[in-house]
Amino acid sequence: GLGARRGPAAAVPEFRIARIEAEIGGGVVNVACNAAGTVTGHCFALASGGAGLLDFTAHAASLPDVPELIRATAESFHRDRDMELLFHAFPQDAEKIAAVKSAGGRRIGGTSRIEIYSI
């Protein structure tokens, strides 16, 4: 689903943890809101070892807005850090993969069980 975390990003299962990591200098967290001001999703880019990890959670109805959320988060991360930003997905995570590709992500590796994208 749109909330599943794969690979190393599974260590950041919820918004609260991503926000804490970002606040202590580990990266960026952005949220998306609808016209009523309700949060419809969030995206994080956090430094982890020698690379950054990107992942996101979104309400299915907000999926069309997710690529812009991903782009904005990646741009903020890259402004402050000279490191690759990676997104991990299972092949069945079609909606998340499509959003990452729409945001400019490109597949750089993986296996039959997991795909890795650079953003």
PDB file of N, CA and C in Angstrom:
ATOM      1  N   GLY A   1       0.800  -1.194   0.000  1.00  0.00           N
ATOM      2  CA  GLY A   1       0.000   0.000   0.000  1.00  0.00           C
ATOM      3  C   GLY A   1       0.844   1.261   0.000  1.00  0.00           C
ATOM      4  N   LEU A   2       0.181   2.387   0.100  1.00  0.00           N
ATOM      5  CA  LEU A   2       0.870   3.674   0.054  1.00  0.00           C
ATOM      6  C   LEU A   2       1.570   4.019   1.361  1.00  0.00           C
ATOM      7  N   GLY A   3       1.451   3.179   2.354  1.00  0.00           N
ATOM      8  CA  GLY A   3       2.142   3.423   3.613  1.00  0.00           C
ATOM      9  C   GLY A   3       3.246   2.430   3.896  1.00  0.00           C
ATOM     10  N   ALA A   4       3.396   1.421   3.054  1.00  0.00           N
ATOM     11  CA  ALA A   4       4.392   0.382   3.290  1.00  0.00           C
ATOM     12  C   ALA A   4       5.801   0.933   3.117  1.00  0.00           C
ATOM     13  N   ARG A   5       6.710   0.522   3.995  1.00  0.00           N
ATOM     14  CA  ARG A   5       8.119   0.893   3.911  1.00  0.00           C
ATOM     15  C   ARG A   5       8.914  -0.346   3.542  1.00  0.00           C
ATOM     16  N   ARG A   6       9.859  -0.173   2.655  1.00  0.00           N
ATOM     17  CA  ARG A   6      10.683  -1.297   2.206  1.00  0.00           C
ATOM     18  C   ARG A   6      12.156  -0.971   2.441  1.00  0.00           C
ATOM     19  N   GLY A   7      12.973  -2.005   2.502  1.00  0.00           N
ATOM     20  CA  GLY A   7      14.407  -1.814   2.664  1.00  0.00           C
ATOM     21  C   GLY A   7      14.732  -1.050   3.934  1.00  0.00           C
ATOM     22  N   PRO A   8      15.813  -0.268   3.922  1.00  0.00           N
ATOM     23  CA  PRO A   8      16.232   0.454   5.125  1.00  0.00           C
ATOM     24  C   PRO A   8      15.194   1.448   5.632  1.00  0.00           C
ATOM     25  N   ALA A   9      14.314   1.948   4.778  1.00  0.00           N
ATOM     26  CA  ALA A   9      13.296   2.910   5.207  1.00  0.00           C
ATOM     27  C   ALA A   9      12.291   2.287   6.169  1.00  0.00           C
ATOM     28  N   ALA A  10      12.252   0.963   6.256  1.00  0.00           N
ATOM     29  CA  ALA A  10      11.347   0.296   7.192  1.00  0.00           C
ATOM     30  C   ALA A  10      11.678   0.659   8.639  1.00  0.00           C
ATOM     31  N   ALA A  11      12.883   1.171   8.881  1.00  0.00           N
ATOM     32  CA  ALA A  11      13.278   1.599  10.228  1.00  0.00           C
ATOM     33  C   ALA A  11      12.600   2.913  10.630  1.00  0.00           C
ATOM     34  N   VAL A  12      11.883   3.538   9.680  1.00  0.00           N
ATOM     35  CA  VAL A  12      11.175   4.801   9.941  1.00  0.00           C
ATOM     36  C   VAL A  12       9.692   4.545   9.661  1.00  0.00           C
ATOM     37  N   PRO A  13       9.005   3.836  10.561  1.00  0.00           N
ATOM     38  CA  PRO A  13       7.648   3.390  10.270  1.00  0.00           C
ATOM     39  C   PRO A  13       6.557   4.453  10.333  1.00  0.00           C
ATOM     40  N   GLU A  14       6.849   5.614  10.932  1.00  0.00           N
ATOM     41  CA  GLU A  14       5.779   6.597  11.086  1.00  0.00           C
ATOM     42  C   GLU A  14       6.318   8.014  11.033  1.00  0.00           C
ATOM     43  N   PHE A  15       5.408   8.941  10.808  1.00  0.00           N
ATOM     44  CA  PHE A  15       5.742  10.359  10.671  1.00  0.00           C
ATOM     45  C   PHE A  15       6.524  10.882  11.867  1.00  0.00           C
ATOM     46  N   ARG A  16       6.115  10.526  13.057  1.00  0.00           N
ATOM     47  CA  ARG A  16       6.746  11.037  14.276  1.00  0.00           C
ATOM     48  C   ARG A  16       8.242  10.727  14.297  1.00  0.00           C
ATOM     49  N   ILE A  17       8.615   9.528  13.929  1.00  0.00           N
ATOM     50  CA  ILE A  17      10.027   9.140  13.923  1.00  0.00           C
ATOM     51  C   ILE A  17      10.782   9.900  12.834  1.00  0.00           C
ATOM     52  N   ALA A  18      10.178  10.036  11.660  1.00  0.00           N
ATOM     53  CA  ALA A  18      10.820  10.800  10.582  1.00  0.00           C
ATOM     54  C   ALA A  18      11.051  12.236  11.011  1.00  0.00           C
ATOM     55  N   ARG A  19      10.073  12.837  11.669  1.00  0.00           N
ATOM     56  CA  ARG A  19      10.200  14.222  12.114  1.00  0.00           C
ATOM     57  C   ARG A  19      11.321  14.381  13.137  1.00  0.00           C
ATOM     58  N   ILE A  20      11.405  13.468  14.071  1.00  0.00           N
ATOM     59  CA  ILE A  20      12.471  13.531  15.078  1.00  0.00           C
ATOM     60  C   ILE A  20      13.829  13.407  14.398  1.00  0.00           C
ATOM     61  N   GLU A  21      13.973  12.453  13.481  1.00  0.00           N
ATOM     62  CA  GLU A  21      15.243  12.280  12.765  1.00  0.00           C
ATOM     63  C   GLU A  21      15.624  13.542  11.996  1.00  0.00           C
ATOM     64  N   ALA A  22      14.655  14.157  11.355  1.00  0.00           N
ATOM     65  CA  ALA A  22      14.927  15.385  10.599  1.00  0.00           C
ATOM     66  C   ALA A  22      15.325  16.519  11.539  1.00  0.00           C
ATOM     67  N   GLU A  23      14.659  16.638  12.678  1.00  0.00           N
ATOM     68  CA  GLU A  23      14.943  17.711  13.619  1.00  0.00           C
ATOM     69  C   GLU A  23      16.342  17.631  14.207  1.00  0.00           C
ATOM     70  N   ILE A  24      16.898  16.439  14.332  1.00  0.00           N
ATOM     71  CA  ILE A  24      18.246  16.325  14.877  1.00  0.00           C
ATOM     72  C   ILE A  24      19.306  16.379  13.778  1.00  0.00           C
ATOM     73  N   GLY A  25      18.906  16.860  12.609  1.00  0.00           N
ATOM     74  CA  GLY A  25      19.866  17.092  11.542  1.00  0.00           C
ATOM     75  C   GLY A  25      19.997  15.986  10.528  1.00  0.00           C
ATOM     76  N   GLY A  26      19.081  15.043  10.573  1.00  0.00           N
ATOM     77  CA  GLY A  26      19.200  13.900   9.685  1.00  0.00           C
ATOM     78  C   GLY A  26      18.536  14.040   8.334  1.00  0.00           C
ATOM     79  N   GLY A  27      17.855  15.160   8.075  1.00  0.00           N
ATOM     80  CA  GLY A  27      17.225  15.282   6.768  1.00  0.00           C
ATOM     81  C   GLY A  27      16.027  16.204   6.750  1.00  0.00           C
ATOM     82  N   VAL A  28      15.042  15.825   5.931  1.00  0.00           N
ATOM     83  CA  VAL A  28      13.897  16.678   5.627  1.00  0.00           C
ATOM     84  C   VAL A  28      12.613  15.858   5.715  1.00  0.00           C
ATOM     85  N   VAL A  29      11.553  16.485   6.253  1.00  0.00           N
ATOM     86  CA  VAL A  29      10.218  15.892   6.216  1.00  0.00           C
ATOM     87  C   VAL A  29       9.264  16.976   5.724  1.00  0.00           C
ATOM     88  N   ASN A  30       8.442  16.636   4.752  1.00  0.00           N
ATOM     89  CA  ASN A  30       7.415  17.549   4.249  1.00  0.00           C
ATOM     90  C   ASN A  30       6.063  16.872   4.342  1.00  0.00           C
ATOM     91  N   VAL A  31       5.015  17.668   4.541  1.00  0.00           N
ATOM     92  CA  VAL A  31       3.662  17.131   4.559  1.00  0.00           C
ATOM     93  C   VAL A  31       2.852  17.745   3.430  1.00  0.00           C
ATOM     94  N   ALA A  32       1.824  17.031   3.004  1.00  0.00           N
ATOM     95  CA  ALA A  32       0.867  17.522   2.008  1.00  0.00           C
ATOM     96  C   ALA A  32      -0.475  17.667   2.691  1.00  0.00           C
ATOM     97  N   CYS A  33      -1.188  18.725   2.351  1.00  0.00           N
ATOM     98  CA  CYS A  33      -2.506  18.974   2.927  1.00  0.00           C
ATOM     99  C   CYS A  33      -3.515  19.211   1.811  1.00  0.00           C
ATOM    100  N   ASN A  34      -4.770  18.890   2.101  1.00  0.00           N
ATOM    101  CA  ASN A  34      -5.832  19.198   1.138  1.00  0.00           C
ATOM    102  C   ASN A  34      -6.331  20.624   1.385  1.00  0.00           C
ATOM    103  N   ALA A  35      -7.324  21.051   0.627  1.00  0.00           N
ATOM    104  CA  ALA A  35      -7.843  22.419   0.729  1.00  0.00           C
ATOM    105  C   ALA A  35      -8.400  22.738   2.118  1.00  0.00           C
ATOM    106  N   ALA A  36      -8.866  21.726   2.822  1.00  0.00           N
ATOM    107  CA  ALA A  36      -9.411  21.933   4.175  1.00  0.00           C
ATOM    108  C   ALA A  36      -8.316  21.994   5.235  1.00  0.00           C
ATOM    109  N   GLY A  37      -7.062  21.754   4.822  1.00  0.00           N
ATOM    110  CA  GLY A  37      -5.953  21.780   5.765  1.00  0.00           C
ATOM    111  C   GLY A  37      -5.662  20.457   6.433  1.00  0.00           C
ATOM    112  N   THR A  38      -6.330  19.404   6.005  1.00  0.00           N
ATOM    113  CA  THR A  38      -6.085  18.074   6.553  1.00  0.00           C
ATOM    114  C   THR A  38      -4.833  17.482   5.918  1.00  0.00           C
ATOM    115  N   VAL A  39      -3.956  16.922   6.736  1.00  0.00           N
ATOM    116  CA  VAL A  39      -2.742  16.286   6.216  1.00  0.00           C
ATOM    117  C   VAL A  39      -3.149  15.036   5.441  1.00  0.00           C
ATOM    118  N   THR A  40      -2.679  14.938   4.202  1.00  0.00           N
ATOM    119  CA  THR A  40      -3.020  13.801   3.343  1.00  0.00           C
ATOM    120  C   THR A  40      -1.823  12.906   3.062  1.00  0.00           C
ATOM    121  N   GLY A  41      -0.650  13.323   3.508  1.00  0.00           N
ATOM    122  CA  GLY A  41       0.525  12.500   3.310  1.00  0.00           C
ATOM    123  C   GLY A  41       1.773  13.197   3.806  1.00  0.00           C
ATOM    124  N   HIS A  42       2.863  12.435   3.873  1.00  0.00           N
ATOM    125  CA  HIS A  42       4.154  13.014   4.207  1.00  0.00           C
ATOM    126  C   HIS A  42       5.245  12.278   3.453  1.00  0.00           C
ATOM    127  N   CYS A  43       6.369  12.946   3.295  1.00  0.00           N
ATOM    128  CA  CYS A  43       7.520  12.370   2.610  1.00  0.00           C
ATOM    129  C   CYS A  43       8.758  12.728   3.415  1.00  0.00           C
ATOM    130  N   PHE A  44       9.667  11.784   3.550  1.00  0.00           N
ATOM    131  CA  PHE A  44      10.915  12.089   4.243  1.00  0.00           C
ATOM    132  C   PHE A  44      12.117  11.713   3.392  1.00  0.00           C
ATOM    133  N   ALA A  45      13.195  12.433   3.621  1.00  0.00           N
ATOM    134  CA  ALA A  45      14.504  12.134   3.048  1.00  0.00           C
ATOM    135  C   ALA A  45      15.486  12.277   4.195  1.00  0.00           C
ATOM    136  N   LEU A  46      16.053  11.171   4.633  1.00  0.00           N
ATOM    137  CA  LEU A  46      16.915  11.149   5.810  1.00  0.00           C
ATOM    138  C   LEU A  46      18.274  10.558   5.473  1.00  0.00           C
ATOM    139  N   ALA A  47      19.322  11.192   5.985  1.00  0.00           N
ATOM    140  CA  ALA A  47      20.669  10.664   5.801  1.00  0.00           C
ATOM    141  C   ALA A  47      20.816   9.391   6.622  1.00  0.00           C
ATOM    142  N   SER A  48      21.423   8.388   6.006  1.00  0.00           N
ATOM    143  CA  SER A  48      21.640   7.115   6.687  1.00  0.00           C
ATOM    144  C   SER A  48      22.938   6.518   6.158  1.00  0.00           C
ATOM    145  N   GLY A  49      23.989   6.598   6.948  1.00  0.00           N
ATOM    146  CA  GLY A  49      25.279   6.138   6.468  1.00  0.00           C
ATOM    147  C   GLY A  49      25.765   7.049   5.348  1.00  0.00           C
ATOM    148  N   GLY A  50      26.109   6.488   4.216  1.00  0.00           N
ATOM    149  CA  GLY A  50      26.625   7.284   3.110  1.00  0.00           C
ATOM    150  C   GLY A  50      25.600   7.678   2.074  1.00  0.00           C
ATOM    151  N   ALA A  51      24.330   7.409   2.348  1.00  0.00           N
ATOM    152  CA  ALA A  51      23.288   7.749   1.370  1.00  0.00           C
ATOM    153  C   ALA A  51      22.061   8.262   2.106  1.00  0.00           C
ATOM    154  N   GLY A  52      21.129   8.809   1.336  1.00  0.00           N
ATOM    155  CA  GLY A  52      19.867   9.242   1.899  1.00  0.00           C
ATOM    156  C   GLY A  52      18.786   8.224   1.592  1.00  0.00           C
ATOM    157  N   LEU A  53      17.805   8.162   2.457  1.00  0.00           N
ATOM    158  CA  LEU A  53      16.651   7.284   2.257  1.00  0.00           C
ATOM    159  C   LEU A  53      15.418   8.138   2.062  1.00  0.00           C
ATOM    160  N   LEU A  54      14.645   7.848   1.046  1.00  0.00           N
ATOM    161  CA  LEU A  54      13.397   8.559   0.794  1.00  0.00           C
ATOM    162  C   LEU A  54      12.249   7.568   0.843  1.00  0.00           C
ATOM    163  N   ASP A  55      11.171   7.989   1.469  1.00  0.00           N
ATOM    164  CA  ASP A  55       9.932   7.220   1.414  1.00  0.00           C
ATOM    165  C   ASP A  55       8.783   8.168   1.732  1.00  0.00           C
ATOM    166  N   PHE A  56       7.574   7.691   1.529  1.00  0.00           N
ATOM    167  CA  PHE A  56       6.408   8.535   1.737  1.00  0.00           C
ATOM    168  C   PHE A  56       5.196   7.694   2.081  1.00  0.00           C
ATOM    169  N   THR A  57       4.235   8.371   2.682  1.00  0.00           N
ATOM    170  CA  THR A  57       2.930   7.806   2.969  1.00  0.00           C
ATOM    171  C   THR A  57       1.917   8.796   2.433  1.00  0.00           C
ATOM    172  N   ALA A  58       0.880   8.308   1.792  1.00  0.00           N
ATOM    173  CA  ALA A  58      -0.135   9.213   1.251  1.00  0.00           C
ATOM    174  C   ALA A  58      -1.490   8.537   1.233  1.00  0.00           C
ATOM    175  N   HIS A  59      -2.517   9.340   1.393  1.00  0.00           N
ATOM    176  CA  HIS A  59      -3.885   8.876   1.223  1.00  0.00           C
ATOM    177  C   HIS A  59      -4.082   8.652  -0.277  1.00  0.00           C
ATOM    178  N   ALA A  60      -4.763   7.596  -0.649  1.00  0.00           N
ATOM    179  CA  ALA A  60      -4.945   7.259  -2.071  1.00  0.00           C
ATOM    180  C   ALA A  60      -5.531   8.420  -2.874  1.00  0.00           C
ATOM    181  N   ALA A  61      -6.415   9.206  -2.282  1.00  0.00           N
ATOM    182  CA  ALA A  61      -7.037  10.322  -2.997  1.00  0.00           C
ATOM    183  C   ALA A  61      -6.043  11.437  -3.319  1.00  0.00           C
ATOM    184  N   SER A  62      -4.926  11.477  -2.591  1.00  0.00           N
ATOM    185  CA  SER A  62      -3.937  12.534  -2.823  1.00  0.00           C
ATOM    186  C   SER A  62      -2.803  12.082  -3.740  1.00  0.00           C
ATOM    187  N   LEU A  63      -2.890  10.877  -4.272  1.00  0.00           N
ATOM    188  CA  LEU A  63      -1.812  10.329  -5.096  1.00  0.00           C
ATOM    189  C   LEU A  63      -1.364  11.247  -6.233  1.00  0.00           C
ATOM    190  N   PRO A  64      -2.256  11.970  -6.921  1.00  0.00           N
ATOM    191  CA  PRO A  64      -1.788  12.854  -7.988  1.00  0.00           C
ATOM    192  C   PRO A  64      -0.830  13.958  -7.511  1.00  0.00           C
ATOM    193  N   ASP A  65      -0.914  14.323  -6.241  1.00  0.00           N
ATOM    194  CA  ASP A  65      -0.056  15.375  -5.702  1.00  0.00           C
ATOM    195  C   ASP A  65       1.261  14.851  -5.135  1.00  0.00           C
ATOM    196  N   VAL A  66       1.407  13.558  -5.024  1.00  0.00           N
ATOM    197  CA  VAL A  66       2.584  12.976  -4.392  1.00  0.00           C
ATOM    198  C   VAL A  66       3.874  13.252  -5.156  1.00  0.00           C
ATOM    199  N   PRO A  67       3.929  13.179  -6.488  1.00  0.00           N
ATOM    200  CA  PRO A  67       5.204  13.465  -7.159  1.00  0.00           C
ATOM    201  C   PRO A  67       5.780  14.834  -6.804  1.00  0.00           C
ATOM    202  N   GLU A  68       4.932  15.851  -6.674  1.00  0.00           N
ATOM    203  CA  GLU A  68       5.437  17.175  -6.293  1.00  0.00           C
ATOM    204  C   GLU A  68       5.970  17.161  -4.861  1.00  0.00           C
ATOM    205  N   LEU A  69       5.307  16.445  -3.965  1.00  0.00           N
ATOM    206  CA  LEU A  69       5.783  16.307  -2.591  1.00  0.00           C
ATOM    207  C   LEU A  69       7.155  15.629  -2.577  1.00  0.00           C
ATOM    208  N   ILE A  70       7.316  14.587  -3.374  1.00  0.00           N
ATOM    209  CA  ILE A  70       8.594  13.879  -3.464  1.00  0.00           C
ATOM    210  C   ILE A  70       9.672  14.808  -4.024  1.00  0.00           C
ATOM    211  N   ARG A  71       9.375  15.519  -5.109  1.00  0.00           N
ATOM    212  CA  ARG A  71      10.346  16.447  -5.721  1.00  0.00           C
ATOM    213  C   ARG A  71      10.801  17.509  -4.723  1.00  0.00           C
ATOM    214  N   ALA A  72       9.848  18.118  -4.031  1.00  0.00           N
ATOM    215  CA  ALA A  72      10.187  19.168  -3.071  1.00  0.00           C
ATOM    216  C   ALA A  72      11.061  18.624  -1.941  1.00  0.00           C
ATOM    217  N   THR A  73      10.747  17.441  -1.467  1.00  0.00           N
ATOM    218  CA  THR A  73      11.524  16.833  -0.392  1.00  0.00           C
ATOM    219  C   THR A  73      12.932  16.503  -0.869  1.00  0.00           C
ATOM    220  N   ALA A  74      13.044  15.922  -2.053  1.00  0.00           N
ATOM    221  CA  ALA A  74      14.363  15.577  -2.604  1.00  0.00           C
ATOM    222  C   ALA A  74      15.198  16.835  -2.841  1.00  0.00           C
ATOM    223  N   GLU A  75      14.589  17.884  -3.373  1.00  0.00           N
ATOM    224  CA  GLU A  75      15.325  19.127  -3.620  1.00  0.00           C
ATOM    225  C   GLU A  75      15.845  19.720  -2.313  1.00  0.00           C
ATOM    226  N   SER A  76      15.033  19.734  -1.286  1.00  0.00           N
ATOM    227  CA  SER A  76      15.476  20.255   0.014  1.00  0.00           C
ATOM    228  C   SER A  76      16.633  19.428   0.561  1.00  0.00           C
ATOM    229  N   PHE A  77      16.530  18.124   0.445  1.00  0.00           N
ATOM    230  CA  PHE A  77      17.586  17.234   0.929  1.00  0.00           C
ATOM    231  C   PHE A  77      18.891  17.501   0.182  1.00  0.00           C
ATOM    232  N   HIS A  78      18.821  17.583  -1.148  1.00  0.00           N
ATOM    233  CA  HIS A  78      20.028  17.769  -1.968  1.00  0.00           C
ATOM    234  C   HIS A  78      20.665  19.143  -1.785  1.00  0.00           C
ATOM    235  N   ARG A  79      19.886  20.144  -1.382  1.00  0.00           N
ATOM    236  CA  ARG A  79      20.463  21.474  -1.130  1.00  0.00           C
ATOM    237  C   ARG A  79      21.508  21.428  -0.030  1.00  0.00           C
ATOM    238  N   ASP A  80      21.294  20.593   0.963  1.00  0.00           N
ATOM    239  CA  ASP A  80      22.175  20.536   2.124  1.00  0.00           C
ATOM    240  C   ASP A  80      23.145  19.362   2.138  1.00  0.00           C
ATOM    241  N   ARG A  81      22.953  18.402   1.263  1.00  0.00           N
ATOM    242  CA  ARG A  81      23.762  17.179   1.312  1.00  0.00           C
ATOM    243  C   ARG A  81      24.178  16.738  -0.080  1.00  0.00           C
ATOM    244  N   ASP A  82      25.431  16.350  -0.183  1.00  0.00           N
ATOM    245  CA  ASP A  82      25.958  15.819  -1.437  1.00  0.00           C
ATOM    246  C   ASP A  82      26.007  14.299  -1.318  1.00  0.00           C
ATOM    247  N   MET A  83      24.845  13.695  -1.346  1.00  0.00           N
ATOM    248  CA  MET A  83      24.777  12.235  -1.291  1.00  0.00           C
ATOM    249  C   MET A  83      23.587  11.751  -2.104  1.00  0.00           C
ATOM    250  N   GLU A  84      23.685  10.516  -2.543  1.00  0.00           N
ATOM    251  CA  GLU A  84      22.603   9.922  -3.314  1.00  0.00           C
ATOM    252  C   GLU A  84      21.384   9.714  -2.414  1.00  0.00           C
ATOM    253  N   LEU A  85      20.199   9.885  -2.990  1.00  0.00           N
ATOM    254  CA  LEU A  85      18.945   9.699  -2.271  1.00  0.00           C
ATOM    255  C   LEU A  85      18.243   8.491  -2.880  1.00  0.00           C
ATOM    256  N   LEU A  86      17.988   7.467  -2.056  1.00  0.00           N
ATOM    257  CA  LEU A  86      17.468   6.187  -2.549  1.00  0.00           C
ATOM    258  C   LEU A  86      16.067   5.893  -2.029  1.00  0.00           C
ATOM    259  N   PHE A  87      15.268   5.280  -2.892  1.00  0.00           N
ATOM    260  CA  PHE A  87      13.932   4.798  -2.557  1.00  0.00           C
ATOM    261  C   PHE A  87      13.907   3.308  -2.852  1.00  0.00           C
ATOM    262  N   HIS A  88      13.430   2.511  -1.907  1.00  0.00           N
ATOM    263  CA  HIS A  88      13.342   1.056  -2.065  1.00  0.00           C
ATOM    264  C   HIS A  88      11.878   0.639  -2.155  1.00  0.00           C
ATOM    265  N   ALA A  89      11.578  -0.290  -3.050  1.00  0.00           N
ATOM    266  CA  ALA A  89      10.198  -0.762  -3.226  1.00  0.00           C
ATOM    267  C   ALA A  89      10.193  -2.221  -3.636  1.00  0.00           C
ATOM    268  N   PHE A  90       9.109  -2.885  -3.308  1.00  0.00           N
ATOM    269  CA  PHE A  90       8.869  -4.219  -3.838  1.00  0.00           C
ATOM    270  C   PHE A  90       8.224  -4.039  -5.209  1.00  0.00           C
ATOM    271  N   PRO A  91       8.401  -4.977  -6.127  1.00  0.00           N
ATOM    272  CA  PRO A  91       7.792  -4.831  -7.455  1.00  0.00           C
ATOM    273  C   PRO A  91       6.275  -4.605  -7.414  1.00  0.00           C
ATOM    274  N   GLN A  92       5.597  -5.128  -6.398  1.00  0.00           N
ATOM    275  CA  GLN A  92       4.144  -4.965  -6.329  1.00  0.00           C
ATOM    276  C   GLN A  92       3.714  -3.576  -5.831  1.00  0.00           C
ATOM    277  N   ASP A  93       4.658  -2.719  -5.442  1.00  0.00           N
ATOM    278  CA  ASP A  93       4.336  -1.367  -4.969  1.00  0.00           C
ATOM    279  C   ASP A  93       4.168  -0.416  -6.154  1.00  0.00           C
ATOM    280  N   ALA A  94       3.314  -0.797  -7.087  1.00  0.00           N
ATOM    281  CA  ALA A  94       3.192  -0.077  -8.362  1.00  0.00           C
ATOM    282  C   ALA A  94       2.846   1.400  -8.199  1.00  0.00           C
ATOM    283  N   GLU A  95       1.925   1.731  -7.292  1.00  0.00           N
ATOM    284  CA  GLU A  95       1.533   3.137  -7.129  1.00  0.00           C
ATOM    285  C   GLU A  95       2.680   3.978  -6.591  1.00  0.00           C
ATOM    286  N   LYS A  96       3.416   3.438  -5.625  1.00  0.00           N
ATOM    287  CA  LYS A  96       4.542   4.190  -5.067  1.00  0.00           C
ATOM    288  C   LYS A  96       5.652   4.334  -6.112  1.00  0.00           C
ATOM    289  N   ILE A  97       5.931   3.271  -6.847  1.00  0.00           N
ATOM    290  CA  ILE A  97       6.962   3.333  -7.885  1.00  0.00           C
ATOM    291  C   ILE A  97       6.583   4.355  -8.952  1.00  0.00           C
ATOM    292  N   ALA A  98       5.336   4.361  -9.374  1.00  0.00           N
ATOM    293  CA  ALA A  98       4.889   5.321 -10.390  1.00  0.00           C
ATOM    294  C   ALA A  98       5.063   6.752  -9.899  1.00  0.00           C
ATOM    295  N   ALA A  99       4.752   7.010  -8.618  1.00  0.00           N
ATOM    296  CA  ALA A  99       4.903   8.356  -8.063  1.00  0.00           C
ATOM    297  C   ALA A  99       6.370   8.767  -8.039  1.00  0.00           C
ATOM    298  N   VAL A 100       7.245   7.863  -7.661  1.00  0.00           N
ATOM    299  CA  VAL A 100       8.686   8.167  -7.620  1.00  0.00           C
ATOM    300  C   VAL A 100       9.212   8.424  -9.031  1.00  0.00           C
ATOM    301  N   LYS A 101       8.791   7.611  -9.991  1.00  0.00           N
ATOM    302  CA  LYS A 101       9.210   7.842 -11.382  1.00  0.00           C
ATOM    303  C   LYS A 101       8.693   9.181 -11.886  1.00  0.00           C
ATOM    304  N   SER A 102       7.462   9.525 -11.548  1.00  0.00           N
ATOM    305  CA  SER A 102       6.894  10.814 -11.968  1.00  0.00           C
ATOM    306  C   SER A 102       7.648  11.983 -11.358  1.00  0.00           C
ATOM    307  N   ALA A 103       8.258  11.745 -10.199  1.00  0.00           N
ATOM    308  CA  ALA A 103       9.033  12.786  -9.526  1.00  0.00           C
ATOM    309  C   ALA A 103      10.458  12.870 -10.054  1.00  0.00           C
ATOM    310  N   GLY A 104      10.813  11.997 -11.003  1.00  0.00           N
ATOM    311  CA  GLY A 104      12.156  12.025 -11.583  1.00  0.00           C
ATOM    312  C   GLY A 104      13.060  10.904 -11.112  1.00  0.00           C
ATOM    313  N   GLY A 105      12.527   9.984 -10.315  1.00  0.00           N
ATOM    314  CA  GLY A 105      13.334   8.858  -9.854  1.00  0.00           C
ATOM    315  C   GLY A 105      13.623   7.888 -10.985  1.00  0.00           C
ATOM    316  N   ARG A 106      14.813   7.290 -10.913  1.00  0.00           N
ATOM    317  CA  ARG A 106      15.179   6.299 -11.930  1.00  0.00           C
ATOM    318  C   ARG A 106      15.690   5.038 -11.236  1.00  0.00           C
ATOM    319  N   ARG A 107      15.318   3.898 -11.799  1.00  0.00           N
ATOM    320  CA  ARG A 107      15.726   2.610 -11.222  1.00  0.00           C
ATOM    321  C   ARG A 107      17.224   2.439 -11.430  1.00  0.00           C
ATOM    322  N   ILE A 108      17.940   2.145 -10.350  1.00  0.00           N
ATOM    323  CA  ILE A 108      19.393   1.982 -10.457  1.00  0.00           C
ATOM    324  C   ILE A 108      19.850   0.586 -10.078  1.00  0.00           C
ATOM    325  N   GLY A 109      18.923  -0.251  -9.597  1.00  0.00           N
ATOM    326  CA  GLY A 109      19.329  -1.601  -9.236  1.00  0.00           C
ATOM    327  C   GLY A 109      18.221  -2.344  -8.530  1.00  0.00           C
ATOM    328  N   GLY A 110      18.615  -3.491  -8.004  1.00  0.00           N
ATOM    329  CA  GLY A 110      17.670  -4.301  -7.270  1.00  0.00           C
ATOM    330  C   GLY A 110      17.745  -5.751  -7.683  1.00  0.00           C
ATOM    331  N   THR A 111      16.761  -6.493  -7.216  1.00  0.00           N
ATOM    332  CA  THR A 111      16.653  -7.923  -7.512  1.00  0.00           C
ATOM    333  C   THR A 111      15.210  -8.186  -7.916  1.00  0.00           C
ATOM    334  N   SER A 112      14.846  -9.453  -8.020  1.00  0.00           N
ATOM    335  CA  SER A 112      13.452  -9.773  -8.338  1.00  0.00           C
ATOM    336  C   SER A 112      12.537  -9.450  -7.155  1.00  0.00           C
ATOM    337  N   ARG A 113      13.115  -9.257  -5.964  1.00  0.00           N
ATOM    338  CA  ARG A 113      12.315  -9.004  -4.754  1.00  0.00           C
ATOM    339  C   ARG A 113      12.257  -7.542  -4.339  1.00  0.00           C
ATOM    340  N   ILE A 114      13.265  -6.742  -4.725  1.00  0.00           N
ATOM    341  CA  ILE A 114      13.272  -5.331  -4.323  1.00  0.00           C
ATOM    342  C   ILE A 114      13.894  -4.487  -5.424  1.00  0.00           C
ATOM    343  N   GLU A 115      13.338  -3.296  -5.620  1.00  0.00           N
ATOM    344  CA  GLU A 115      13.855  -2.370  -6.628  1.00  0.00           C
ATOM    345  C   GLU A 115      14.403  -1.150  -5.903  1.00  0.00           C
ATOM    346  N   ILE A 116      15.475  -0.574  -6.448  1.00  0.00           N
ATOM    347  CA  ILE A 116      16.091   0.608  -5.854  1.00  0.00           C
ATOM    348  C   ILE A 116      16.092   1.717  -6.883  1.00  0.00           C
ATOM    349  N   TYR A 117      15.598   2.886  -6.445  1.00  0.00           N
ATOM    350  CA  TYR A 117      15.528   4.058  -7.299  1.00  0.00           C
ATOM    351  C   TYR A 117      16.379   5.171  -6.711  1.00  0.00           C
ATOM    352  N   SER A 118      16.963   5.971  -7.569  1.00  0.00           N
ATOM    353  CA  SER A 118      17.694   7.165  -7.160  1.00  0.00           C
ATOM    354  C   SER A 118      16.866   8.380  -7.543  1.00  0.00           C
ATOM    355  N   ILE A 119      16.804   9.342  -6.637  1.00  0.00           N
ATOM    356  CA  ILE A 119      16.009  10.544  -6.875  1.00  0.00           C
ATOM    357  C   ILE A 119      16.924  11.747  -6.757  1.00  0.00           C
TER     358      ILE A 119
END
